[in-house]
Amino acid sequence: MAKRAAAKEPSAARRIAETLRGEILDGRIAAGEALPTVRELSVRFEAKGAVIRKALQLLRAEGNVKPGTAGRLYTPGLDTHWMYGGDFDRFAAVAQPDRHPPHDHP
């Protein structure tokens, strides 16, 4: 019975990925900024490097980060096409919801 409850709980990697995704989408990790290193994230989340790497793989698979220089992962920059399909209004509404109210497109 305990195994079923544990199976429904998200893995440590998924929880870390969700936290980082939230920080990316609300701007705490700025557009175009490199994510912290695996070592820095390991210390912050008190997790092994393998768990952090899995979390980063999840973010990359979802398109929330992309590879950059020196093996680092970066958040979306001004070119939002790869993350939001070129819909700047959608990106702006997420980045600054108070300045860009949603509206219907024809």
PDB file of N, CA and C in Angstrom:
ATOM      1  N   MET A   1       0.823  -1.196   0.000  1.00  0.00           N
ATOM      2  CA  MET A   1       0.000   0.000   0.000  1.00  0.00           C
ATOM      3  C   MET A   1       0.865   1.257   0.000  1.00  0.00           C
ATOM      4  N   ALA A   2       1.926   1.262   0.787  1.00  0.00           N
ATOM      5  CA  ALA A   2       2.813   2.418   0.846  1.00  0.00           C
ATOM      6  C   ALA A   2       3.510   2.652  -0.482  1.00  0.00           C
ATOM      7  N   LYS A   3       3.764   1.576  -1.227  1.00  0.00           N
ATOM      8  CA  LYS A   3       4.421   1.724  -2.523  1.00  0.00           C
ATOM      9  C   LYS A   3       3.538   2.484  -3.512  1.00  0.00           C
ATOM     10  N   ARG A   4       2.242   2.264  -3.468  1.00  0.00           N
ATOM     11  CA  ARG A   4       1.332   2.981  -4.371  1.00  0.00           C
ATOM     12  C   ARG A   4       1.323   4.476  -4.082  1.00  0.00           C
ATOM     13  N   ALA A   5       1.301   4.856  -2.825  1.00  0.00           N
ATOM     14  CA  ALA A   5       1.312   6.275  -2.462  1.00  0.00           C
ATOM     15  C   ALA A   5       2.624   6.916  -2.902  1.00  0.00           C
ATOM     16  N   ALA A   6       3.723   6.196  -2.706  1.00  0.00           N
ATOM     17  CA  ALA A   6       5.025   6.736  -3.094  1.00  0.00           C
ATOM     18  C   ALA A   6       5.130   6.870  -4.609  1.00  0.00           C
ATOM     19  N   ALA A   7       4.523   5.974  -5.348  1.00  0.00           N
ATOM     20  CA  ALA A   7       4.594   6.009  -6.804  1.00  0.00           C
ATOM     21  C   ALA A   7       3.894   7.246  -7.364  1.00  0.00           C
ATOM     22  N   LYS A   8       2.884   7.755  -6.686  1.00  0.00           N
ATOM     23  CA  LYS A   8       2.153   8.924  -7.157  1.00  0.00           C
ATOM     24  C   LYS A   8       2.879  10.230  -6.834  1.00  0.00           C
ATOM     25  N   GLU A   9       3.780  10.188  -5.874  1.00  0.00           N
ATOM     26  CA  GLU A   9       4.537  11.376  -5.496  1.00  0.00           C
ATOM     27  C   GLU A   9       5.611  11.654  -6.550  1.00  0.00           C
ATOM     28  N   PRO A  10       5.748  12.916  -6.985  1.00  0.00           N
ATOM     29  CA  PRO A  10       6.755  13.220  -8.008  1.00  0.00           C
ATOM     30  C   PRO A  10       8.167  12.928  -7.506  1.00  0.00           C
ATOM     31  N   SER A  11       9.021  12.526  -8.427  1.00  0.00           N
ATOM     32  CA  SER A  11      10.414  12.243  -8.070  1.00  0.00           C
ATOM     33  C   SER A  11      11.116  13.540  -7.677  1.00  0.00           C
ATOM     34  N   ALA A  12      12.257  13.376  -7.031  1.00  0.00           N
ATOM     35  CA  ALA A  12      13.048  14.544  -6.634  1.00  0.00           C
ATOM     36  C   ALA A  12      13.435  15.354  -7.873  1.00  0.00           C
ATOM     37  N   ALA A  13      13.814  14.670  -8.946  1.00  0.00           N
ATOM     38  CA  ALA A  13      14.196  15.368 -10.178  1.00  0.00           C
ATOM     39  C   ALA A  13      13.023  16.170 -10.729  1.00  0.00           C
ATOM     40  N   ARG A  14      11.838  15.594 -10.702  1.00  0.00           N
ATOM     41  CA  ARG A  14      10.659  16.296 -11.221  1.00  0.00           C
ATOM     42  C   ARG A  14      10.321  17.506 -10.347  1.00  0.00           C
ATOM     43  N   ARG A  15      10.443  17.374  -9.039  1.00  0.00           N
ATOM     44  CA  ARG A  15      10.172  18.513  -8.140  1.00  0.00           C
ATOM     45  C   ARG A  15      11.175  19.639  -8.378  1.00  0.00           C
ATOM     46  N   ILE A  16      12.444  19.284  -8.556  1.00  0.00           N
ATOM     47  CA  ILE A  16      13.467  20.294  -8.825  1.00  0.00           C
ATOM     48  C   ILE A  16      13.196  20.960 -10.165  1.00  0.00           C
ATOM     49  N   ALA A  17      12.848  20.168 -11.178  1.00  0.00           N
ATOM     50  CA  ALA A  17      12.532  20.733 -12.500  1.00  0.00           C
ATOM     51  C   ALA A  17      11.343  21.687 -12.399  1.00  0.00           C
ATOM     52  N   GLU A  18      10.319  21.331 -11.625  1.00  0.00           N
ATOM     53  CA  GLU A  18       9.150  22.198 -11.465  1.00  0.00           C
ATOM     54  C   GLU A  18       9.532  23.517 -10.793  1.00  0.00           C
ATOM     55  N   THR A  19      10.403  23.453  -9.799  1.00  0.00           N
ATOM     56  CA  THR A  19      10.855  24.671  -9.121  1.00  0.00           C
ATOM     57  C   THR A  19      11.611  25.570 -10.085  1.00  0.00           C
ATOM     58  N   LEU A  20      12.546  24.989 -10.825  1.00  0.00           N
ATOM     59  CA  LEU A  20      13.332  25.778 -11.778  1.00  0.00           C
ATOM     60  C   LEU A  20      12.451  26.328 -12.902  1.00  0.00           C
ATOM     61  N   ARG A  21      11.497  25.540 -13.385  1.00  0.00           N
ATOM     62  CA  ARG A  21      10.576  26.001 -14.431  1.00  0.00           C
ATOM     63  C   ARG A  21       9.810  27.228 -13.950  1.00  0.00           C
ATOM     64  N   GLY A  22       9.333  27.183 -12.711  1.00  0.00           N
ATOM     65  CA  GLY A  22       8.626  28.331 -12.144  1.00  0.00           C
ATOM     66  C   GLY A  22       9.503  29.568 -12.071  1.00  0.00           C
ATOM     67  N   GLU A  23      10.762  29.375 -11.697  1.00  0.00           N
ATOM     68  CA  GLU A  23      11.688  30.505 -11.609  1.00  0.00           C
ATOM     69  C   GLU A  23      12.001  31.087 -12.984  1.00  0.00           C
ATOM     70  N   ILE A  24      12.023  30.244 -13.993  1.00  0.00           N
ATOM     71  CA  ILE A  24      12.250  30.714 -15.363  1.00  0.00           C
ATOM     72  C   ILE A  24      11.036  31.498 -15.852  1.00  0.00           C
ATOM     73  N   LEU A  25       9.860  30.932 -15.654  1.00  0.00           N
ATOM     74  CA  LEU A  25       8.650  31.565 -16.180  1.00  0.00           C
ATOM     75  C   LEU A  25       8.284  32.853 -15.462  1.00  0.00           C
ATOM     76  N   ASP A  26       8.622  32.957 -14.178  1.00  0.00           N
ATOM     77  CA  ASP A  26       8.267  34.208 -13.486  1.00  0.00           C
ATOM     78  C   ASP A  26       9.410  35.220 -13.474  1.00  0.00           C
ATOM     79  N   GLY A  27      10.525  34.880 -14.137  1.00  0.00           N
ATOM     80  CA  GLY A  27      11.600  35.845 -14.309  1.00  0.00           C
ATOM     81  C   GLY A  27      12.658  35.873 -13.229  1.00  0.00           C
ATOM     82  N   ARG A  28      12.547  35.007 -12.227  1.00  0.00           N
ATOM     83  CA  ARG A  28      13.603  34.986 -11.202  1.00  0.00           C
ATOM     84  C   ARG A  28      14.932  34.536 -11.792  1.00  0.00           C
ATOM     85  N   ILE A  29      14.872  33.688 -12.815  1.00  0.00           N
ATOM     86  CA  ILE A  29      16.045  33.393 -13.637  1.00  0.00           C
ATOM     87  C   ILE A  29      15.790  34.150 -14.931  1.00  0.00           C
ATOM     88  N   ALA A  30      16.564  35.189 -15.170  1.00  0.00           N
ATOM     89  CA  ALA A  30      16.295  36.138 -16.248  1.00  0.00           C
ATOM     90  C   ALA A  30      16.423  35.507 -17.630  1.00  0.00           C
ATOM     91  N   ALA A  31      15.729  36.104 -18.596  1.00  0.00           N
ATOM     92  CA  ALA A  31      15.790  35.659 -19.986  1.00  0.00           C
ATOM     93  C   ALA A  31      17.219  35.727 -20.485  1.00  0.00           C
ATOM     94  N   GLY A  32      17.676  34.651 -21.114  1.00  0.00           N
ATOM     95  CA  GLY A  32      19.009  34.590 -21.664  1.00  0.00           C
ATOM     96  C   GLY A  32      20.099  34.268 -20.646  1.00  0.00           C
ATOM     97  N   GLU A  33      19.721  34.062 -19.407  1.00  0.00           N
ATOM     98  CA  GLU A  33      20.682  33.802 -18.338  1.00  0.00           C
ATOM     99  C   GLU A  33      21.014  32.317 -18.249  1.00  0.00           C
ATOM    100  N   ALA A  34      22.268  32.026 -17.921  1.00  0.00           N
ATOM    101  CA  ALA A  34      22.676  30.638 -17.709  1.00  0.00           C
ATOM    102  C   ALA A  34      22.102  30.135 -16.390  1.00  0.00           C
ATOM    103  N   LEU A  35      21.662  28.893 -16.382  1.00  0.00           N
ATOM    104  CA  LEU A  35      21.241  28.285 -15.135  1.00  0.00           C
ATOM    105  C   LEU A  35      22.473  28.057 -14.260  1.00  0.00           C
ATOM    106  N   PRO A  36      22.276  27.954 -12.960  1.00  0.00           N
ATOM    107  CA  PRO A  36      23.412  27.627 -12.091  1.00  0.00           C
ATOM    108  C   PRO A  36      24.013  26.279 -12.497  1.00  0.00           C
ATOM    109  N   THR A  37      25.251  26.049 -12.101  1.00  0.00           N
ATOM    110  CA  THR A  37      25.919  24.791 -12.427  1.00  0.00           C
ATOM    111  C   THR A  37      25.276  23.633 -11.663  1.00  0.00           C
ATOM    112  N   VAL A  38      25.570  22.423 -12.105  1.00  0.00           N
ATOM    113  CA  VAL A  38      25.066  21.231 -11.421  1.00  0.00           C
ATOM    114  C   VAL A  38      25.525  21.243  -9.967  1.00  0.00           C
ATOM    115  N   ARG A  39      26.756  21.610  -9.744  1.00  0.00           N
ATOM    116  CA  ARG A  39      27.273  21.653  -8.364  1.00  0.00           C
ATOM    117  C   ARG A  39      26.490  22.662  -7.521  1.00  0.00           C
ATOM    118  N   GLU A  40      26.250  23.857  -8.063  1.00  0.00           N
ATOM    119  CA  GLU A  40      25.499  24.880  -7.327  1.00  0.00           C
ATOM    120  C   GLU A  40      24.078  24.409  -7.026  1.00  0.00           C
ATOM    121  N   LEU A  41      23.447  23.767  -8.012  1.00  0.00           N
ATOM    122  CA  LEU A  41      22.084  23.271  -7.806  1.00  0.00           C
ATOM    123  C   LEU A  41      22.068  22.103  -6.812  1.00  0.00           C
ATOM    124  N   SER A  42      23.113  21.275  -6.836  1.00  0.00           N
ATOM    125  CA  SER A  42      23.212  20.164  -5.883  1.00  0.00           C
ATOM    126  C   SER A  42      23.245  20.682  -4.452  1.00  0.00           C
ATOM    127  N   VAL A  43      24.001  21.737  -4.240  1.00  0.00           N
ATOM    128  CA  VAL A  43      24.080  22.333  -2.899  1.00  0.00           C
ATOM    129  C   VAL A  43      22.735  22.949  -2.524  1.00  0.00           C
ATOM    130  N   ARG A  44      22.166  23.709  -3.437  1.00  0.00           N
ATOM    131  CA  ARG A  44      20.893  24.392  -3.162  1.00  0.00           C
ATOM    132  C   ARG A  44      19.779  23.416  -2.821  1.00  0.00           C
ATOM    133  N   PHE A  45      19.652  22.353  -3.626  1.00  0.00           N
ATOM    134  CA  PHE A  45      18.542  21.407  -3.446  1.00  0.00           C
ATOM    135  C   PHE A  45      18.919  20.208  -2.580  1.00  0.00           C
ATOM    136  N   GLU A  46      20.173  20.177  -2.107  1.00  0.00           N
ATOM    137  CA  GLU A  46      20.652  19.054  -1.300  1.00  0.00           C
ATOM    138  C   GLU A  46      20.366  17.730  -2.001  1.00  0.00           C
ATOM    139  N   ALA A  47      20.787  17.661  -3.269  1.00  0.00           N
ATOM    140  CA  ALA A  47      20.533  16.483  -4.101  1.00  0.00           C
ATOM    141  C   ALA A  47      21.828  16.074  -4.798  1.00  0.00           C
ATOM    142  N   LYS A  48      21.881  14.820  -5.175  1.00  0.00           N
ATOM    143  CA  LYS A  48      23.043  14.319  -5.908  1.00  0.00           C
ATOM    144  C   LYS A  48      23.062  14.889  -7.318  1.00  0.00           C
ATOM    145  N   GLY A  49      24.258  14.924  -7.896  1.00  0.00           N
ATOM    146  CA  GLY A  49      24.427  15.442  -9.245  1.00  0.00           C
ATOM    147  C   GLY A  49      23.567  14.721 -10.265  1.00  0.00           C
ATOM    148  N   ALA A  50      23.396  13.413 -10.106  1.00  0.00           N
ATOM    149  CA  ALA A  50      22.578  12.632 -11.050  1.00  0.00           C
ATOM    150  C   ALA A  50      21.118  13.103 -11.026  1.00  0.00           C
ATOM    151  N   VAL A  51      20.618  13.448  -9.855  1.00  0.00           N
ATOM    152  CA  VAL A  51      19.236  13.935  -9.734  1.00  0.00           C
ATOM    153  C   VAL A  51      19.110  15.303 -10.406  1.00  0.00           C
ATOM    154  N   ILE A  52      20.091  16.167 -10.199  1.00  0.00           N
ATOM    155  CA  ILE A  52      20.080  17.491 -10.825  1.00  0.00           C
ATOM    156  C   ILE A  52      20.150  17.359 -12.333  1.00  0.00           C
ATOM    157  N   ARG A  53      21.035  16.492 -12.830  1.00  0.00           N
ATOM    158  CA  ARG A  53      21.144  16.297 -14.283  1.00  0.00           C
ATOM    159  C   ARG A  53      19.835  15.786 -14.875  1.00  0.00           C
ATOM    160  N   LYS A  54      19.132  14.916 -14.167  1.00  0.00           N
ATOM    161  CA  LYS A  54      17.823  14.423 -14.630  1.00  0.00           C
ATOM    162  C   LYS A  54      16.817  15.576 -14.681  1.00  0.00           C
ATOM    163  N   ALA A  55      16.825  16.429 -13.667  1.00  0.00           N
ATOM    164  CA  ALA A  55      15.918  17.590 -13.648  1.00  0.00           C
ATOM    165  C   ALA A  55      16.201  18.498 -14.846  1.00  0.00           C
ATOM    166  N   LEU A  56      17.478  18.720 -15.137  1.00  0.00           N
ATOM    167  CA  LEU A  56      17.854  19.568 -16.268  1.00  0.00           C
ATOM    168  C   LEU A  56      17.471  18.914 -17.596  1.00  0.00           C
ATOM    169  N   GLN A  57      17.568  17.586 -17.671  1.00  0.00           N
ATOM    170  CA  GLN A  57      17.125  16.873 -18.872  1.00  0.00           C
ATOM    171  C   GLN A  57      15.628  17.064 -19.088  1.00  0.00           C
ATOM    172  N   LEU A  58      14.863  17.026 -18.003  1.00  0.00           N
ATOM    173  CA  LEU A  58      13.415  17.244 -18.109  1.00  0.00           C
ATOM    174  C   LEU A  58      13.114  18.644 -18.641  1.00  0.00           C
ATOM    175  N   LEU A  59      13.798  19.646 -18.099  1.00  0.00           N
ATOM    176  CA  LEU A  59      13.594  21.023 -18.564  1.00  0.00           C
ATOM    177  C   LEU A  59      13.964  21.165 -20.032  1.00  0.00           C
ATOM    178  N   ARG A  60      15.053  20.537 -20.433  1.00  0.00           N
ATOM    179  CA  ARG A  60      15.488  20.624 -21.830  1.00  0.00           C
ATOM    180  C   ARG A  60      14.487  19.918 -22.747  1.00  0.00           C
ATOM    181  N   ALA A  61      14.002  18.754 -22.341  1.00  0.00           N
ATOM    182  CA  ALA A  61      13.035  18.014 -23.149  1.00  0.00           C
ATOM    183  C   ALA A  61      11.735  18.805 -23.327  1.00  0.00           C
ATOM    184  N   GLU A  62      11.378  19.593 -22.326  1.00  0.00           N
ATOM    185  CA  GLU A  62      10.163  20.417 -22.385  1.00  0.00           C
ATOM    186  C   GLU A  62      10.384  21.704 -23.170  1.00  0.00           C
ATOM    187  N   GLY A  63      11.650  22.023 -23.468  1.00  0.00           N
ATOM    188  CA  GLY A  63      11.949  23.253 -24.185  1.00  0.00           C
ATOM    189  C   GLY A  63      12.075  24.476 -23.302  1.00  0.00           C
ATOM    190  N   ASN A  64      12.220  24.269 -21.989  1.00  0.00           N
ATOM    191  CA  ASN A  64      12.335  25.400 -21.067  1.00  0.00           C
ATOM    192  C   ASN A  64      13.742  25.966 -20.986  1.00  0.00           C
ATOM    193  N   VAL A  65      14.724  25.192 -21.427  1.00  0.00           N
ATOM    194  CA  VAL A  65      16.114  25.639 -21.484  1.00  0.00           C
ATOM    195  C   VAL A  65      16.727  25.095 -22.766  1.00  0.00           C
ATOM    196  N   LYS A  66      17.828  25.704 -23.171  1.00  0.00           N
ATOM    197  CA  LYS A  66      18.541  25.200 -24.339  1.00  0.00           C
ATOM    198  C   LYS A  66      20.037  25.269 -24.073  1.00  0.00           C
ATOM    199  N   PRO A  67      20.795  24.398 -24.736  1.00  0.00           N
ATOM    200  CA  PRO A  67      22.239  24.383 -24.497  1.00  0.00           C
ATOM    201  C   PRO A  67      22.904  25.637 -25.031  1.00  0.00           C
ATOM    202  N   GLY A  68      23.964  26.024 -24.366  1.00  0.00           N
ATOM    203  CA  GLY A  68      24.730  27.186 -24.795  1.00  0.00           C
ATOM    204  C   GLY A  68      26.210  26.887 -24.715  1.00  0.00           C
ATOM    205  N   THR A  69      26.976  27.895 -24.435  1.00  0.00           N
ATOM    206  CA  THR A  69      28.424  27.754 -24.399  1.00  0.00           C
ATOM    207  C   THR A  69      28.887  27.025 -23.145  1.00  0.00           C
ATOM    208  N   ALA A  70      30.034  26.397 -23.252  1.00  0.00           N
ATOM    209  CA  ALA A  70      30.699  25.713 -22.136  1.00  0.00           C
ATOM    210  C   ALA A  70      29.804  24.676 -21.451  1.00  0.00           C
ATOM    211  N   GLY A  71      28.901  24.066 -22.204  1.00  0.00           N
ATOM    212  CA  GLY A  71      28.052  23.026 -21.646  1.00  0.00           C
ATOM    213  C   GLY A  71      26.974  23.512 -20.709  1.00  0.00           C
ATOM    214  N   ARG A  72      26.763  24.815 -20.627  1.00  0.00           N
ATOM    215  CA  ARG A  72      25.738  25.382 -19.740  1.00  0.00           C
ATOM    216  C   ARG A  72      24.382  25.380 -20.435  1.00  0.00           C
ATOM    217  N   LEU A  73      23.328  25.409 -19.647  1.00  0.00           N
ATOM    218  CA  LEU A  73      21.970  25.543 -20.162  1.00  0.00           C
ATOM    219  C   LEU A  73      21.496  26.961 -19.898  1.00  0.00           C
ATOM    220  N   TYR A  74      20.761  27.506 -20.855  1.00  0.00           N
ATOM    221  CA  TYR A  74      20.303  28.893 -20.785  1.00  0.00           C
ATOM    222  C   TYR A  74      18.790  28.962 -20.897  1.00  0.00           C
ATOM    223  N   THR A  75      18.229  29.993 -20.282  1.00  0.00           N
ATOM    224  CA  THR A  75      16.799  30.262 -20.397  1.00  0.00           C
ATOM    225  C   THR A  75      16.533  30.941 -21.736  1.00  0.00           C
ATOM    226  N   PRO A  76      15.263  31.012 -22.145  1.00  0.00           N
ATOM    227  CA  PRO A  76      14.962  31.692 -23.400  1.00  0.00           C
ATOM    228  C   PRO A  76      15.419  33.144 -23.362  1.00  0.00           C
ATOM    229  N   GLY A  77      15.971  33.610 -24.468  1.00  0.00           N
ATOM    230  CA  GLY A  77      16.383  35.003 -24.568  1.00  0.00           C
ATOM    231  C   GLY A  77      15.302  35.800 -25.275  1.00  0.00           C
ATOM    232  N   LEU A  78      15.705  36.811 -26.006  1.00  0.00           N
ATOM    233  CA  LEU A  78      14.741  37.630 -26.733  1.00  0.00           C
ATOM    234  C   LEU A  78      14.080  36.857 -27.866  1.00  0.00           C
ATOM    235  N   ASP A  79      14.757  35.831 -28.380  1.00  0.00           N
ATOM    236  CA  ASP A  79      14.169  34.992 -29.426  1.00  0.00           C
ATOM    237  C   ASP A  79      13.280  33.957 -28.751  1.00  0.00           C
ATOM    238  N   THR A  80      12.001  34.259 -28.638  1.00  0.00           N
ATOM    239  CA  THR A  80      11.079  33.370 -27.944  1.00  0.00           C
ATOM    240  C   THR A  80      10.434  32.359 -28.876  1.00  0.00           C
ATOM    241  N   HIS A  81      10.786  32.375 -30.133  1.00  0.00           N
ATOM    242  CA  HIS A  81      10.146  31.493 -31.098  1.00  0.00           C
ATOM    243  C   HIS A  81      10.266  30.021 -30.694  1.00  0.00           C
ATOM    244  N   TRP A  82      11.439  29.619 -30.233  1.00  0.00           N
ATOM    245  CA  TRP A  82      11.647  28.211 -29.906  1.00  0.00           C
ATOM    246  C   TRP A  82      10.828  27.759 -28.709  1.00  0.00           C
ATOM    247  N   MET A  83      10.442  28.693 -27.828  1.00  0.00           N
ATOM    248  CA  MET A  83       9.690  28.286 -26.644  1.00  0.00           C
ATOM    249  C   MET A  83       8.182  28.472 -26.807  1.00  0.00           C
ATOM    250  N   TYR A  84       7.766  29.548 -27.454  1.00  0.00           N
ATOM    251  CA  TYR A  84       6.346  29.866 -27.554  1.00  0.00           C
ATOM    252  C   TYR A  84       5.840  29.867 -28.991  1.00  0.00           C
ATOM    253  N   GLY A  85       6.566  29.249 -29.905  1.00  0.00           N
ATOM    254  CA  GLY A  85       6.108  29.173 -31.280  1.00  0.00           C
ATOM    255  C   GLY A  85       6.002  30.536 -31.930  1.00  0.00           C
ATOM    256  N   GLY A  86       6.802  31.504 -31.490  1.00  0.00           N
ATOM    257  CA  GLY A  86       6.797  32.830 -32.089  1.00  0.00           C
ATOM    258  C   GLY A  86       5.676  33.730 -31.607  1.00  0.00           C
ATOM    259  N   ASP A  87       4.887  33.294 -30.648  1.00  0.00           N
ATOM    260  CA  ASP A  87       3.764  34.086 -30.154  1.00  0.00           C
ATOM    261  C   ASP A  87       4.259  35.020 -29.049  1.00  0.00           C
ATOM    262  N   PHE A  88       4.715  36.206 -29.442  1.00  0.00           N
ATOM    263  CA  PHE A  88       5.284  37.141 -28.470  1.00  0.00           C
ATOM    264  C   PHE A  88       4.246  37.556 -27.428  1.00  0.00           C
ATOM    265  N   ASP A  89       2.990  37.721 -27.837  1.00  0.00           N
ATOM    266  CA  ASP A  89       1.965  38.114 -26.873  1.00  0.00           C
ATOM    267  C   ASP A  89       1.844  37.085 -25.753  1.00  0.00           C
ATOM    268  N   ARG A  90       1.919  35.815 -26.115  1.00  0.00           N
ATOM    269  CA  ARG A  90       1.824  34.767 -25.109  1.00  0.00           C
ATOM    270  C   ARG A  90       3.035  34.833 -24.181  1.00  0.00           C
ATOM    271  N   PHE A  91       4.222  35.020 -24.744  1.00  0.00           N
ATOM    272  CA  PHE A  91       5.429  35.123 -23.924  1.00  0.00           C
ATOM    273  C   PHE A  91       5.335  36.335 -22.998  1.00  0.00           C
ATOM    274  N   ALA A  92       4.935  37.464 -23.525  1.00  0.00           N
ATOM    275  CA  ALA A  92       4.856  38.689 -22.734  1.00  0.00           C
ATOM    276  C   ALA A  92       3.834  38.537 -21.604  1.00  0.00           C
ATOM    277  N   ALA A  93       2.737  37.849 -21.868  1.00  0.00           N
ATOM    278  CA  ALA A  93       1.724  37.657 -20.840  1.00  0.00           C
ATOM    279  C   ALA A  93       2.259  36.821 -19.692  1.00  0.00           C
ATOM    280  N   VAL A  94       3.143  35.865 -19.994  1.00  0.00           N
ATOM    281  CA  VAL A  94       3.748  35.048 -18.952  1.00  0.00           C
ATOM    282  C   VAL A  94       4.828  35.843 -18.236  1.00  0.00           C
ATOM    283  N   ALA A  95       5.648  36.559 -19.003  1.00  0.00           N
ATOM    284  CA  ALA A  95       6.770  37.293 -18.430  1.00  0.00           C
ATOM    285  C   ALA A  95       6.319  38.473 -17.572  1.00  0.00           C
ATOM    286  N   GLN A  96       5.301  39.194 -18.034  1.00  0.00           N
ATOM    287  CA  GLN A  96       4.814  40.365 -17.302  1.00  0.00           C
ATOM    288  C   GLN A  96       3.290  40.412 -17.376  1.00  0.00           C
ATOM    289  N   PRO A  97       2.609  39.554 -16.631  1.00  0.00           N
ATOM    290  CA  PRO A  97       1.159  39.453 -16.756  1.00  0.00           C
ATOM    291  C   PRO A  97       0.415  40.744 -16.441  1.00  0.00           C
ATOM    292  N   ASP A  98       0.954  41.587 -15.577  1.00  0.00           N
ATOM    293  CA  ASP A  98       0.258  42.821 -15.233  1.00  0.00           C
ATOM    294  C   ASP A  98       0.342  43.872 -16.344  1.00  0.00           C
ATOM    295  N   ARG A  99       1.312  43.744 -17.254  1.00  0.00           N
ATOM    296  CA  ARG A  99       1.493  44.722 -18.326  1.00  0.00           C
ATOM    297  C   ARG A  99       0.898  44.270 -19.642  1.00  0.00           C
ATOM    298  N   HIS A 100       0.601  42.987 -19.764  1.00  0.00           N
ATOM    299  CA  HIS A 100       0.101  42.440 -21.026  1.00  0.00           C
ATOM    300  C   HIS A 100      -1.116  41.566 -20.770  1.00  0.00           C
ATOM    301  N   PRO A 101      -2.278  42.172 -20.604  1.00  0.00           N
ATOM    302  CA  PRO A 101      -3.464  41.345 -20.347  1.00  0.00           C
ATOM    303  C   PRO A 101      -3.758  40.454 -21.546  1.00  0.00           C
ATOM    304  N   PRO A 102      -4.270  39.257 -21.277  1.00  0.00           N
ATOM    305  CA  PRO A 102      -4.576  38.361 -22.386  1.00  0.00           C
ATOM    306  C   PRO A 102      -5.669  38.940 -23.283  1.00  0.00           C
ATOM    307  N   HIS A 103      -5.601  38.624 -24.539  1.00  0.00           N
ATOM    308  CA  HIS A 103      -6.626  39.038 -25.479  1.00  0.00           C
ATOM    309  C   HIS A 103      -6.783  37.967 -26.547  1.00  0.00           C
ATOM    310  N   ASP A 104      -7.930  37.967 -27.170  1.00  0.00           N
ATOM    311  CA  ASP A 104      -8.205  36.969 -28.203  1.00  0.00           C
ATOM    312  C   ASP A 104      -7.637  37.436 -29.526  1.00  0.00           C
ATOM    313  N   HIS A 105      -7.084  36.488 -30.260  1.00  0.00           N
ATOM    314  CA  HIS A 105      -6.591  36.776 -31.599  1.00  0.00           C
ATOM    315  C   HIS A 105      -7.674  36.400 -32.606  1.00  0.00           C
ATOM    316  N   PRO A 106      -7.800  37.173 -33.692  1.00  0.00           N
ATOM    317  CA  PRO A 106      -8.822  36.833 -34.681  1.00  0.00           C
ATOM    318  C   PRO A 106      -8.546  35.510 -35.341  1.00  0.00           C
TER     319      PRO A 106
END
